[in-house]
Amino acid sequence: MDEKQKKQFKEAVHKEMKIIRTEIPRLEKQCEPIAPDASLGRLTRMDNIVNQSVAKKQLSNLKTRLRKLEEALRDVDEDEDFGRCVECDEPIPMARLLAMPETRLCVDCAE
């Protein structure tokens, strides 16, 4: 990966991380416990519980993705093999790295 590609990659990762960091607080708010004394109907309370469960899963996924993006950002400078498939050692296409910065596999090996 040349310097121009590294710069492009870093910009894409920073952009994605910014989006995730703005989304995390919104999901954390949705994950707050539902007050038992809130005057909600039974169905509304059930809807809120389901929505809260979905938000918790999304929050977990976003935190995991953020951690992986942070690792990719670190690795792009520190790992000379960054951008090469860990299975077949072929270069991972830049389009794939931009779409999935945390990937370590080329398309063929990922299938």
C-alpha atoms as a PDB file:
ATOM      1  CA  MET A   1       0.000   0.000   0.000  1.00  0.00           C
ATOM      2  CA  ASP A   2       1.532   3.304  -1.046  1.00  0.00           C
ATOM      3  CA  GLU A   3       1.327   6.583   0.888  1.00  0.00           C
ATOM      4  CA  LYS A   4      -1.551   7.930  -1.212  1.00  0.00           C
ATOM      5  CA  GLN A   5      -3.598   4.805  -0.523  1.00  0.00           C
ATOM      6  CA  LYS A   6      -2.733   4.963   3.184  1.00  0.00           C
ATOM      7  CA  LYS A   7      -3.947   8.557   3.325  1.00  0.00           C
ATOM      8  CA  GLN A   8      -7.175   7.650   1.526  1.00  0.00           C
ATOM      9  CA  PHE A   9      -7.666   4.685   3.847  1.00  0.00           C
ATOM     10  CA  LYS A  10      -7.068   6.761   6.991  1.00  0.00           C
ATOM     11  CA  GLU A  11      -9.528   9.435   5.855  1.00  0.00           C
ATOM     12  CA  ALA A  12     -12.206   6.812   5.225  1.00  0.00           C
ATOM     13  CA  VAL A  13     -11.591   5.176   8.616  1.00  0.00           C
ATOM     14  CA  HIS A  14     -11.668   8.505  10.466  1.00  0.00           C
ATOM     15  CA  LYS A  15     -14.949   9.371   8.734  1.00  0.00           C
ATOM     16  CA  GLU A  16     -16.494   6.029   9.716  1.00  0.00           C
ATOM     17  CA  MET A  17     -15.240   6.353  13.300  1.00  0.00           C
ATOM     18  CA  LYS A  18     -16.779   9.827  13.561  1.00  0.00           C
ATOM     19  CA  ILE A  19     -20.153   8.464  12.451  1.00  0.00           C
ATOM     20  CA  ILE A  20     -19.940   5.610  14.958  1.00  0.00           C
ATOM     21  CA  ARG A  21     -18.913   7.927  17.805  1.00  0.00           C
ATOM     22  CA  THR A  22     -21.984  10.100  17.205  1.00  0.00           C
ATOM     23  CA  GLU A  23     -24.253   7.048  17.031  1.00  0.00           C
ATOM     24  CA  ILE A  24     -23.019   5.395  20.251  1.00  0.00           C
ATOM     25  CA  PRO A  25     -24.448   8.020  22.674  1.00  0.00           C
ATOM     26  CA  ARG A  26     -27.849   7.838  20.947  1.00  0.00           C
ATOM     27  CA  LEU A  27     -27.932   4.072  21.363  1.00  0.00           C
ATOM     28  CA  GLU A  28     -26.699   4.290  24.960  1.00  0.00           C
ATOM     29  CA  LYS A  29     -29.653   6.553  25.710  1.00  0.00           C
ATOM     30  CA  GLN A  30     -32.020   4.003  24.170  1.00  0.00           C
ATOM     31  CA  CYS A  31     -30.469   1.305  26.362  1.00  0.00           C
ATOM     32  CA  GLU A  32     -31.264   3.103  29.607  1.00  0.00           C
ATOM     33  CA  PRO A  33     -33.625   1.147  31.872  1.00  0.00           C
ATOM     34  CA  ILE A  34     -37.313   1.783  31.407  1.00  0.00           C
ATOM     35  CA  ALA A  35     -38.726   3.283  34.567  1.00  0.00           C
ATOM     36  CA  PRO A  36     -41.305   0.905  36.065  1.00  0.00           C
ATOM     37  CA  ASP A  37     -43.420   3.828  37.231  1.00  0.00           C
ATOM     38  CA  ALA A  38     -43.640   5.342  33.741  1.00  0.00           C
ATOM     39  CA  SER A  39     -47.252   5.497  32.677  1.00  0.00           C
ATOM     40  CA  LEU A  40     -47.052   3.232  29.675  1.00  0.00           C
ATOM     41  CA  GLY A  41     -49.541   0.710  28.464  1.00  0.00           C
ATOM     42  CA  ARG A  42     -48.588  -2.935  28.484  1.00  0.00           C
ATOM     43  CA  LEU A  43     -48.038  -3.073  24.702  1.00  0.00           C
ATOM     44  CA  THR A  44     -46.056   0.160  24.686  1.00  0.00           C
ATOM     45  CA  ARG A  45     -43.859  -1.185  27.470  1.00  0.00           C
ATOM     46  CA  MET A  46     -43.276  -4.394  25.487  1.00  0.00           C
ATOM     47  CA  ASP A  47     -42.413  -2.356  22.375  1.00  0.00           C
ATOM     48  CA  ASN A  48     -39.927  -0.352  24.424  1.00  0.00           C
ATOM     49  CA  ILE A  49     -38.338  -3.521  25.798  1.00  0.00           C
ATOM     50  CA  VAL A  50     -37.961  -4.962  22.279  1.00  0.00           C
ATOM     51  CA  ASN A  51     -36.540  -1.668  20.979  1.00  0.00           C
ATOM     52  CA  GLN A  52     -34.142  -1.556  23.911  1.00  0.00           C
ATOM     53  CA  SER A  53     -32.953  -5.079  23.143  1.00  0.00           C
ATOM     54  CA  VAL A  54     -32.316  -4.163  19.506  1.00  0.00           C
ATOM     55  CA  ALA A  55     -30.472  -1.002  20.581  1.00  0.00           C
ATOM     56  CA  LYS A  56     -28.250  -3.019  22.943  1.00  0.00           C
ATOM     57  CA  LYS A  57     -27.249  -5.358  20.120  1.00  0.00           C
ATOM     58  CA  GLN A  58     -26.570  -2.436  17.775  1.00  0.00           C
ATOM     59  CA  LEU A  59     -24.521  -0.717  20.478  1.00  0.00           C
ATOM     60  CA  SER A  60     -22.457  -3.838  21.029  1.00  0.00           C
ATOM     61  CA  ASN A  61     -21.855  -4.212  17.286  1.00  0.00           C
ATOM     62  CA  LEU A  62     -20.836  -0.553  16.919  1.00  0.00           C
ATOM     63  CA  LYS A  63     -18.411  -0.724  19.839  1.00  0.00           C
ATOM     64  CA  THR A  64     -16.830  -3.842  18.345  1.00  0.00           C
ATOM     65  CA  ARG A  65     -16.575  -2.178  14.925  1.00  0.00           C
ATOM     66  CA  LEU A  66     -15.057   0.955  16.465  1.00  0.00           C
ATOM     67  CA  ARG A  67     -12.411  -1.148  18.198  1.00  0.00           C
ATOM     68  CA  LYS A  68     -11.600  -2.939  14.940  1.00  0.00           C
ATOM     69  CA  LEU A  69     -11.374   0.365  13.065  1.00  0.00           C
ATOM     70  CA  GLU A  70      -8.998   1.716  15.700  1.00  0.00           C
ATOM     71  CA  GLU A  71      -6.848  -1.408  15.254  1.00  0.00           C
ATOM     72  CA  ALA A  72      -6.880  -0.995  11.461  1.00  0.00           C
ATOM     73  CA  LEU A  73      -5.857   2.640  11.802  1.00  0.00           C
ATOM     74  CA  ARG A  74      -2.945   1.623  13.994  1.00  0.00           C
ATOM     75  CA  ASP A  75      -1.972  -1.305  11.775  1.00  0.00           C
ATOM     76  CA  VAL A  76      -1.911   0.687   8.536  1.00  0.00           C
ATOM     77  CA  ASP A  77       1.203   2.488   9.823  1.00  0.00           C
ATOM     78  CA  GLU A  78       2.779  -0.233  11.955  1.00  0.00           C
ATOM     79  CA  ASP A  79       2.195  -3.439   9.983  1.00  0.00           C
ATOM     80  CA  GLU A  80       4.095  -3.647   6.700  1.00  0.00           C
ATOM     81  CA  ASP A  81       1.767  -6.468   5.584  1.00  0.00           C
ATOM     82  CA  PHE A  82      -1.373  -4.394   6.126  1.00  0.00           C
ATOM     83  CA  GLY A  83      -3.589  -4.622   3.051  1.00  0.00           C
ATOM     84  CA  ARG A  84      -2.492  -8.165   2.272  1.00  0.00           C
ATOM     85  CA  CYS A  85      -4.759 -11.143   2.861  1.00  0.00           C
ATOM     86  CA  VAL A  86      -3.727 -13.114   5.948  1.00  0.00           C
ATOM     87  CA  GLU A  87      -4.752 -16.371   4.216  1.00  0.00           C
ATOM     88  CA  CYS A  88      -3.268 -16.163   0.707  1.00  0.00           C
ATOM     89  CA  ASP A  89      -0.954 -13.136   1.074  1.00  0.00           C
ATOM     90  CA  GLU A  90      -2.449 -11.475  -2.031  1.00  0.00           C
ATOM     91  CA  PRO A  91      -3.161  -7.726  -1.914  1.00  0.00           C
ATOM     92  CA  ILE A  92      -6.675  -6.865  -0.753  1.00  0.00           C
ATOM     93  CA  PRO A  93      -8.255  -4.510  -3.330  1.00  0.00           C
ATOM     94  CA  MET A  94      -8.429  -0.907  -2.142  1.00  0.00           C
ATOM     95  CA  ALA A  95     -12.177  -0.812  -2.819  1.00  0.00           C
ATOM     96  CA  ARG A  96     -12.660  -3.669  -0.336  1.00  0.00           C
ATOM     97  CA  LEU A  97     -10.452  -1.987   2.267  1.00  0.00           C
ATOM     98  CA  LEU A  98     -12.429   1.243   1.922  1.00  0.00           C
ATOM     99  CA  ALA A  99     -15.750  -0.603   2.205  1.00  0.00           C
ATOM    100  CA  MET A 100     -14.594  -2.820   5.087  1.00  0.00           C
ATOM    101  CA  PRO A 101     -11.481  -1.255   6.660  1.00  0.00           C
ATOM    102  CA  GLU A 102     -11.333  -3.889   9.375  1.00  0.00           C
ATOM    103  CA  THR A 103     -11.088  -6.789   6.921  1.00  0.00           C
ATOM    104  CA  ARG A 104      -7.973  -8.941   6.825  1.00  0.00           C
ATOM    105  CA  LEU A 105      -9.168 -11.280   4.064  1.00  0.00           C
ATOM    106  CA  CYS A 106      -9.526 -10.844   0.321  1.00  0.00           C
ATOM    107  CA  VAL A 107     -12.921 -11.599  -1.219  1.00  0.00           C
ATOM    108  CA  ASP A 108     -11.917 -15.096  -2.348  1.00  0.00           C
ATOM    109  CA  CYS A 109     -10.647 -16.142   1.094  1.00  0.00           C
ATOM    110  CA  ALA A 110     -13.606 -14.530   2.870  1.00  0.00           C
ATOM    111  CA  GLU A 111     -16.019 -16.792   0.980  1.00  0.00           C
END
